[in-house]
């Protein structure tokens, strides 16, 4: 059996963003139970030169939805980065999952060899074929930002474990 690009992209990204929703829900419950202002957790970072939790979540959602859109040969709509609560971040993740679910296997058919150009900052772009774009850029970036969000929350005392990150089998 050969793995399709849709199978390689949508289910793992969907699962990862869904698990992040669970992690954020636990963080919200932790803040409430400890009497913490949620803004403290939302603005926390692992190191001063790293993005805070809110931005980590926004980036994870955007890379997932924009990555699959690019594989489908379309451009994803811009989304404002204006979330200030756990609830709003969870809505953003649910919307990103909805976008992922909107792509059919046929839309990603043939994308493994399609050239994909993506901005990487400071007016620069990179171009690569679809499979390396997914396997070496999209998935690792999403995992990095989700792992960083997990680390920020764990560092701040939110009780999380590996199963929260990986989800149920």
Protein backbone atom coordinates (compact mmCIF):
# COMPACT_ATOMS: atom_id res chain seq x y z
CA UNK A 1 0.00 0.00 0.00
CA UNK A 2 1.31 3.40 -0.95
CA UNK A 3 0.78 6.37 1.35
CA UNK A 4 -0.94 9.32 -0.30
CA UNK A 5 0.02 12.92 0.39
CA UNK A 6 -3.38 13.45 1.99
CA UNK A 7 -2.77 10.53 4.36
CA UNK A 8 0.74 11.80 5.14
CA UNK A 9 -0.43 15.35 5.82
CA UNK A 10 -3.98 15.72 7.08
CA UNK A 11 -4.35 12.99 9.76
CA UNK A 12 -1.07 13.72 11.60
CA UNK A 13 -1.61 17.48 11.49
CA UNK A 14 -5.23 17.11 12.56
CA UNK A 15 -4.24 14.86 15.46
CA UNK A 16 -1.45 17.17 16.61
CA UNK A 17 -3.68 20.27 16.60
CA UNK A 18 -6.46 18.32 18.34
CA UNK A 19 -4.03 17.22 21.05
CA UNK A 20 -2.89 20.82 21.44
CA UNK A 21 -6.50 21.79 22.11
CA UNK A 22 -6.49 19.29 24.99
CA UNK A 23 -3.22 20.71 26.31
CA UNK A 24 -4.62 24.25 26.21
CA UNK A 25 -7.80 23.13 27.97
CA UNK A 26 -5.67 21.66 30.76
CA UNK A 27 -3.70 24.91 30.96
CA UNK A 28 -6.90 26.91 31.24
CA UNK A 29 -8.18 24.62 34.00
CA UNK A 30 -4.82 24.89 35.77
CA UNK A 31 -4.94 28.70 35.68
CA UNK A 32 -8.48 28.67 37.07
CA UNK A 33 -7.72 26.16 39.83
CA UNK A 34 -4.56 28.01 40.89
CA UNK A 35 -6.10 31.48 40.69
CA UNK A 36 -3.63 32.50 37.99
CA UNK A 37 -4.33 35.21 35.47
CA UNK A 38 -4.43 33.25 32.15
CA UNK A 39 -2.44 36.09 30.57
CA UNK A 40 0.56 34.95 32.62
CA UNK A 41 0.57 31.55 30.90
CA UNK A 42 -0.37 32.96 27.49
CA UNK A 43 2.58 35.36 27.63
CA UNK A 44 5.09 32.86 29.03
CA UNK A 45 8.12 31.80 27.03
CA UNK A 46 10.92 29.31 27.54
CA UNK A 47 13.61 31.93 26.92
CA UNK A 48 13.46 35.70 26.39
CA UNK A 49 14.25 35.49 22.67
CA UNK A 50 11.57 32.87 21.98
CA UNK A 51 7.94 33.50 21.12
CA UNK A 52 5.37 33.30 23.95
CA UNK A 53 2.76 30.56 24.21
CA UNK A 54 0.11 32.44 22.24
CA UNK A 55 2.42 32.91 19.25
CA UNK A 56 3.58 29.27 19.38
CA UNK A 57 -0.05 28.14 19.03
CA UNK A 58 -0.77 30.62 16.24
CA UNK A 59 2.28 29.49 14.27
CA UNK A 60 1.47 25.78 14.69
CA UNK A 61 -2.06 26.34 13.37
CA UNK A 62 -0.88 28.50 10.48
CA UNK A 63 1.91 26.23 9.30
CA UNK A 64 -0.47 23.27 9.30
CA UNK A 65 -3.27 24.96 7.37
CA UNK A 66 -1.03 26.95 5.01
CA UNK A 67 1.16 23.92 4.35
CA UNK A 68 -1.75 21.74 3.23
CA UNK A 69 -3.20 24.62 1.21
CA UNK A 70 0.09 25.03 -0.64
CA UNK A 71 0.19 21.30 -1.35
CA UNK A 72 -3.31 21.66 -2.82
CA UNK A 73 -2.06 24.52 -4.98
CA UNK A 74 -4.07 27.23 -3.22
CA UNK A 75 -3.27 30.01 -0.80
CA UNK A 76 -4.86 29.88 2.65
CA UNK A 77 -6.71 32.95 3.84
CA UNK A 78 -4.86 35.25 6.21
CA UNK A 79 -5.91 35.03 9.85
CA UNK A 80 -5.38 37.87 12.32
CA UNK A 81 -3.07 37.10 15.24
CA UNK A 82 -5.30 38.70 17.85
CA UNK A 83 -6.09 35.93 20.33
CA UNK A 84 -5.87 36.92 23.99
CA UNK A 85 -7.44 33.90 25.73
CA UNK A 86 -7.30 30.14 25.81
CA UNK A 87 -10.81 30.04 24.37
CA UNK A 88 -9.78 32.10 21.36
CA UNK A 89 -6.69 29.95 20.74
CA UNK A 90 -8.83 26.82 20.89
CA UNK A 91 -11.22 28.34 18.33
CA UNK A 92 -8.24 29.13 16.10
CA UNK A 93 -7.07 25.52 16.31
CA UNK A 94 -10.58 24.20 15.61
CA UNK A 95 -10.81 26.48 12.57
CA UNK A 96 -7.44 25.23 11.33
CA UNK A 97 -8.62 21.64 11.76
CA UNK A 98 -11.77 22.53 9.83
CA UNK A 99 -9.61 23.83 6.99
CA UNK A 100 -7.53 20.64 6.99
CA UNK A 101 -10.71 18.55 6.90
CA UNK A 102 -11.88 20.54 3.89
CA UNK A 103 -9.17 19.13 1.62
CA UNK A 104 -10.02 15.99 -0.29
CA UNK A 105 -7.42 13.38 -1.20
CA UNK A 106 -7.90 14.39 -4.84
CA UNK A 107 -6.82 17.96 -4.09
CA UNK A 108 -3.46 16.72 -2.84
CA UNK A 109 -3.02 14.10 -5.55
CA UNK A 110 0.24 14.66 -7.42
CA UNK A 111 1.50 17.19 -4.88
CA UNK A 112 4.50 15.07 -3.83
CA UNK A 113 6.41 16.27 -6.89
CA UNK A 114 4.78 19.70 -7.27
CA UNK A 115 7.02 22.70 -6.67
CA UNK A 116 6.02 24.63 -3.56
CA UNK A 117 7.35 28.10 -2.80
CA UNK A 118 7.03 29.39 0.73
CA UNK A 119 8.10 32.66 2.38
CA UNK A 120 10.67 32.15 5.13
CA UNK A 121 11.00 35.71 6.39
CA UNK A 122 12.77 38.92 5.49
CA UNK A 123 11.42 38.78 1.94
CA UNK A 124 13.07 35.43 1.25
CA UNK A 125 11.44 32.29 -0.12
CA UNK A 126 12.38 28.67 -0.53
CA UNK A 127 11.13 26.34 -3.23
CA UNK A 128 11.02 22.56 -2.92
CA UNK A 129 8.99 19.62 -4.07
CA UNK A 130 5.83 18.76 -2.15
CA UNK A 131 7.07 15.67 -0.33
CA UNK A 132 10.20 17.33 1.10
CA UNK A 133 8.09 20.40 1.87
CA UNK A 134 5.71 18.28 3.93
CA UNK A 135 8.22 15.93 5.54
CA UNK A 136 11.10 18.36 6.12
CA UNK A 137 9.32 21.67 6.62
CA UNK A 138 5.62 21.49 7.53
CA UNK A 139 5.52 18.52 9.91
CA UNK A 140 8.75 19.36 11.80
CA UNK A 141 7.71 23.01 12.18
CA UNK A 142 4.28 22.12 13.53
CA UNK A 143 5.80 19.58 15.93
CA UNK A 144 8.41 22.13 17.06
CA UNK A 145 5.85 24.81 17.92
CA UNK A 146 3.46 22.36 19.59
CA UNK A 147 6.33 20.88 21.61
CA UNK A 148 7.44 24.36 22.61
CA UNK A 149 3.89 25.24 23.71
CA UNK A 150 3.80 22.02 25.74
CA UNK A 151 7.18 22.87 27.28
CA UNK A 152 6.10 26.38 28.23
CA UNK A 153 3.02 25.06 30.00
CA UNK A 154 4.84 22.19 31.70
CA UNK A 155 7.53 24.61 32.88
CA UNK A 156 4.76 26.74 34.40
CA UNK A 157 3.37 23.86 36.42
CA UNK A 158 0.57 22.60 34.21
CA UNK A 159 0.31 18.87 34.85
CA UNK A 160 0.88 17.32 31.44
CA UNK A 161 2.31 14.04 30.30
CA UNK A 162 3.44 12.41 27.12
CA UNK A 163 -0.06 11.11 26.48
CA UNK A 164 -1.36 14.69 26.40
CA UNK A 165 1.10 15.46 23.62
CA UNK A 166 0.60 12.23 21.66
CA UNK A 167 -3.10 11.73 22.33
CA UNK A 168 -4.91 8.46 22.71
CA UNK A 169 -3.84 5.62 20.40
